[in-house]
Every structure is written in structure tokens, then in C-alpha cells.
Amino acid sequence: MSILNKKILATSLLVSTSVFGNGIGDITEHKGSGGLTRTSGDSYITELGLGIEQLDHIETANGRMKIQFVDETKLSLT
């Protein structure tokens, strides 16, 4: 493998780690109750400020919440 190929591979790994390893947003408004399940199987009761990761499954139960993503997109769940 050439030095150039190794540099491209290392750069690709760093980019994919930063894209998939970091949160993609936060819960910015929360009323009532809800839950979040991660792909790892970990479950959380949702609360204001909880970080959202890619592929999280989020539900509200008799409540509502707003999520703001890192690109400033906002999502309202009821």
C-alpha cells in the first residue's frame, strides 16, 4: 500500500469517526414523558438537554419535545 493510499485511508477513518461518533442534536424542549433507545439497546428517559445520536429511536408518551440538530434543523414530536 502506498503512502498516499495510507493517508487517504487514515483521513477517511477520521472523518467517519467524527460523523458517526458525535451527537447530531439535543432535546431543546420537553413536556410530558418520553423515551429514547439507542442502537446499542441502551434506553433513556428523555429530558431537556439529552444528546441525540444517529439512529436513535425516540418516542413521546402523552407529551411533546423539540430536537435541534447540529445543522440548526428543528423537529417537533407530539
N, C-alpha and C. Protein backbone atom coordinates (compact mmCIF):
# COMPACT_ATOMS: atom_id res chain seq x y z
N MET A 1 0.86 -1.17 0.00
CA MET A 1 0.00 0.00 0.00
C MET A 1 0.90 1.23 0.00
N SER A 2 0.63 2.16 -0.90
CA SER A 2 1.47 3.35 -1.00
C SER A 2 1.18 4.31 0.15
N ILE A 3 2.09 5.26 0.34
CA ILE A 3 1.92 6.27 1.40
C ILE A 3 0.66 7.08 1.16
N LEU A 4 0.39 7.43 -0.11
CA LEU A 4 -0.81 8.20 -0.44
C LEU A 4 -2.07 7.43 -0.07
N ASN A 5 -2.13 6.15 -0.38
CA ASN A 5 -3.30 5.34 -0.02
C ASN A 5 -3.48 5.26 1.49
N LYS A 6 -2.38 5.15 2.24
CA LYS A 6 -2.47 5.11 3.70
C LYS A 6 -3.02 6.42 4.25
N LYS A 7 -2.59 7.55 3.67
CA LYS A 7 -3.09 8.85 4.13
C LYS A 7 -4.57 9.00 3.83
N ILE A 8 -5.01 8.56 2.66
CA ILE A 8 -6.42 8.65 2.31
C ILE A 8 -7.25 7.76 3.24
N LEU A 9 -6.79 6.56 3.51
CA LEU A 9 -7.49 5.66 4.40
C LEU A 9 -7.58 6.25 5.80
N ALA A 10 -6.49 6.79 6.32
CA ALA A 10 -6.49 7.39 7.66
C ALA A 10 -7.44 8.58 7.72
N THR A 11 -7.45 9.41 6.69
CA THR A 11 -8.36 10.55 6.64
C THR A 11 -9.80 10.09 6.60
N SER A 12 -10.09 9.06 5.81
CA SER A 12 -11.45 8.53 5.72
C SER A 12 -11.92 7.99 7.07
N LEU A 13 -11.04 7.30 7.77
CA LEU A 13 -11.41 6.77 9.08
C LEU A 13 -11.69 7.89 10.08
N LEU A 14 -10.88 8.95 10.06
CA LEU A 14 -11.11 10.08 10.96
C LEU A 14 -12.42 10.77 10.67
N VAL A 15 -12.74 10.96 9.39
CA VAL A 15 -13.98 11.62 9.02
C VAL A 15 -15.17 10.77 9.42
N SER A 16 -15.13 9.47 9.15
CA SER A 16 -16.27 8.64 9.50
C SER A 16 -16.44 8.53 11.02
N THR A 17 -15.36 8.54 11.77
CA THR A 17 -15.47 8.51 13.23
C THR A 17 -16.10 9.79 13.74
N SER A 18 -15.71 10.93 13.18
CA SER A 18 -16.28 12.18 13.66
C SER A 18 -17.74 12.32 13.26
N VAL A 19 -18.13 11.77 12.13
CA VAL A 19 -19.52 11.87 11.70
C VAL A 19 -20.41 10.96 12.53
N PHE A 20 -19.98 9.73 12.76
CA PHE A 20 -20.83 8.76 13.42
C PHE A 20 -20.61 8.66 14.92
N GLY A 21 -19.54 9.24 15.45
CA GLY A 21 -19.24 9.11 16.86
C GLY A 21 -19.80 10.24 17.71
N ASN A 22 -20.18 11.35 17.10
CA ASN A 22 -20.65 12.51 17.85
C ASN A 22 -22.17 12.60 17.81
N GLY A 23 -22.70 13.38 18.74
CA GLY A 23 -24.13 13.63 18.75
C GLY A 23 -24.54 14.44 17.54
N ILE A 24 -25.80 14.28 17.15
CA ILE A 24 -26.31 15.02 15.99
C ILE A 24 -27.29 16.10 16.40
N GLY A 25 -27.61 16.18 17.69
CA GLY A 25 -28.53 17.20 18.16
C GLY A 25 -28.83 17.04 19.64
N ASP A 26 -29.74 17.90 20.12
CA ASP A 26 -30.13 17.89 21.54
C ASP A 26 -31.62 18.13 21.67
N ILE A 27 -32.20 17.65 22.76
CA ILE A 27 -33.59 17.96 23.08
C ILE A 27 -33.61 19.36 23.67
N THR A 28 -34.33 20.28 23.00
CA THR A 28 -34.35 21.68 23.42
C THR A 28 -35.65 22.08 24.10
N GLU A 29 -36.68 21.25 23.98
CA GLU A 29 -37.94 21.49 24.69
C GLU A 29 -38.50 20.13 25.06
N HIS A 30 -39.04 20.03 26.27
CA HIS A 30 -39.55 18.73 26.73
C HIS A 30 -40.70 18.94 27.69
N LYS A 31 -41.85 18.36 27.36
CA LYS A 31 -43.02 18.40 28.24
C LYS A 31 -43.65 17.02 28.23
N GLY A 32 -44.05 16.54 29.38
CA GLY A 32 -44.63 15.21 29.47
C GLY A 32 -43.55 14.16 29.63
N SER A 33 -43.79 12.99 29.04
CA SER A 33 -42.81 11.91 29.18
C SER A 33 -42.47 11.32 27.82
N GLY A 34 -41.30 10.70 27.76
CA GLY A 34 -40.84 10.08 26.52
C GLY A 34 -39.65 9.19 26.79
N GLY A 35 -39.21 8.51 25.75
CA GLY A 35 -38.09 7.61 25.88
C GLY A 35 -37.23 7.59 24.64
N LEU A 36 -35.99 7.18 24.81
CA LEU A 36 -35.03 7.11 23.73
C LEU A 36 -34.33 5.76 23.83
N THR A 37 -34.21 5.06 22.70
CA THR A 37 -33.48 3.79 22.66
C THR A 37 -32.39 3.91 21.61
N ARG A 38 -31.18 3.58 21.99
CA ARG A 38 -30.03 3.62 21.09
C ARG A 38 -29.88 2.28 20.39
N THR A 39 -29.13 2.26 19.30
CA THR A 39 -28.91 1.02 18.56
C THR A 39 -28.17 -0.01 19.42
N SER A 40 -27.47 0.45 20.45
CA SER A 40 -26.78 -0.46 21.37
C SER A 40 -27.76 -1.19 22.28
N GLY A 41 -29.02 -0.72 22.30
CA GLY A 41 -30.03 -1.30 23.18
C GLY A 41 -30.21 -0.53 24.47
N ASP A 42 -29.35 0.45 24.75
CA ASP A 42 -29.48 1.28 25.94
C ASP A 42 -30.73 2.14 25.83
N SER A 43 -31.48 2.27 26.92
CA SER A 43 -32.70 3.09 26.93
C SER A 43 -32.56 4.21 27.94
N TYR A 44 -33.17 5.35 27.62
CA TYR A 44 -33.11 6.53 28.48
C TYR A 44 -34.49 7.17 28.56
N ILE A 45 -34.81 7.75 29.69
CA ILE A 45 -35.97 8.61 29.80
C ILE A 45 -35.54 9.96 29.26
N THR A 46 -36.31 10.50 28.32
CA THR A 46 -35.90 11.76 27.71
C THR A 46 -36.03 12.92 28.69
N GLU A 47 -35.12 13.88 28.52
CA GLU A 47 -35.12 15.08 29.36
C GLU A 47 -34.48 16.21 28.57
N LEU A 48 -34.72 17.42 29.01
CA LEU A 48 -34.16 18.59 28.37
C LEU A 48 -32.64 18.51 28.33
N GLY A 49 -32.05 18.74 27.16
CA GLY A 49 -30.60 18.72 27.02
C GLY A 49 -30.00 17.38 26.67
N LEU A 50 -30.81 16.31 26.66
CA LEU A 50 -30.28 14.98 26.32
C LEU A 50 -29.78 15.00 24.88
N GLY A 51 -28.58 14.50 24.65
CA GLY A 51 -28.00 14.46 23.32
C GLY A 51 -28.62 13.37 22.47
N ILE A 52 -28.76 13.65 21.20
CA ILE A 52 -29.33 12.71 20.23
C ILE A 52 -28.20 12.22 19.35
N GLU A 53 -28.19 10.90 19.09
CA GLU A 53 -27.19 10.30 18.22
C GLU A 53 -27.88 9.71 17.00
N GLN A 54 -27.09 9.50 15.95
CA GLN A 54 -27.63 8.93 14.73
C GLN A 54 -28.27 7.57 15.01
N LEU A 55 -29.44 7.33 14.44
CA LEU A 55 -30.22 6.09 14.53
C LEU A 55 -30.90 5.90 15.88
N ASP A 56 -30.95 6.92 16.74
CA ASP A 56 -31.73 6.82 17.98
C ASP A 56 -33.21 6.68 17.64
N HIS A 57 -33.93 5.92 18.46
CA HIS A 57 -35.38 5.77 18.34
C HIS A 57 -35.99 6.57 19.49
N ILE A 58 -36.81 7.58 19.16
CA ILE A 58 -37.34 8.48 20.17
C ILE A 58 -38.87 8.43 20.13
N GLU A 59 -39.48 8.36 21.32
CA GLU A 59 -40.93 8.33 21.44
C GLU A 59 -41.39 9.32 22.50
N THR A 60 -42.58 9.85 22.30
CA THR A 60 -43.21 10.64 23.36
C THR A 60 -44.44 9.87 23.83
N ALA A 61 -44.76 10.02 25.08
CA ALA A 61 -45.95 9.39 25.65
C ALA A 61 -46.71 10.47 26.41
N ASN A 62 -47.79 10.93 25.81
CA ASN A 62 -48.58 11.99 26.43
C ASN A 62 -47.71 13.22 26.68
N GLY A 63 -46.95 13.61 25.67
CA GLY A 63 -46.07 14.76 25.81
C GLY A 63 -45.62 15.28 24.47
N ARG A 64 -44.63 16.16 24.51
CA ARG A 64 -44.03 16.67 23.28
C ARG A 64 -42.59 17.07 23.56
N MET A 65 -41.81 17.11 22.49
CA MET A 65 -40.44 17.57 22.61
C MET A 65 -39.99 18.17 21.29
N LYS A 66 -38.98 18.99 21.38
CA LYS A 66 -38.33 19.55 20.20
C LYS A 66 -36.87 19.14 20.23
N ILE A 67 -36.37 18.80 19.05
CA ILE A 67 -34.97 18.44 18.89
C ILE A 67 -34.35 19.43 17.93
N GLN A 68 -33.20 19.97 18.30
CA GLN A 68 -32.46 20.83 17.38
C GLN A 68 -31.20 20.09 16.99
N PHE A 69 -31.03 19.93 15.68
CA PHE A 69 -29.87 19.23 15.15
C PHE A 69 -28.71 20.20 14.95
N VAL A 70 -27.51 19.66 14.80
CA VAL A 70 -26.31 20.48 14.69
C VAL A 70 -26.34 21.40 13.47
N ASP A 71 -27.14 21.08 12.46
CA ASP A 71 -27.24 21.94 11.27
C ASP A 71 -28.36 22.98 11.43
N GLU A 72 -28.87 23.14 12.68
CA GLU A 72 -29.91 24.11 13.03
C GLU A 72 -31.31 23.68 12.60
N THR A 73 -31.48 22.49 12.03
CA THR A 73 -32.79 21.95 11.71
C THR A 73 -33.50 21.63 13.02
N LYS A 74 -34.82 21.88 13.08
CA LYS A 74 -35.59 21.60 14.28
C LYS A 74 -36.70 20.60 13.96
N LEU A 75 -36.97 19.70 14.90
CA LEU A 75 -38.00 18.69 14.76
C LEU A 75 -38.89 18.74 15.99
N SER A 76 -40.21 18.79 15.79
CA SER A 76 -41.17 18.76 16.90
C SER A 76 -41.87 17.41 16.91
N LEU A 77 -41.88 16.76 18.06
CA LEU A 77 -42.56 15.47 18.22
C LEU A 77 -43.71 15.63 19.20
N THR A 78 -44.87 15.06 18.86
CA THR A 78 -46.00 15.06 19.78
C THR A 78 -46.60 13.69 19.87
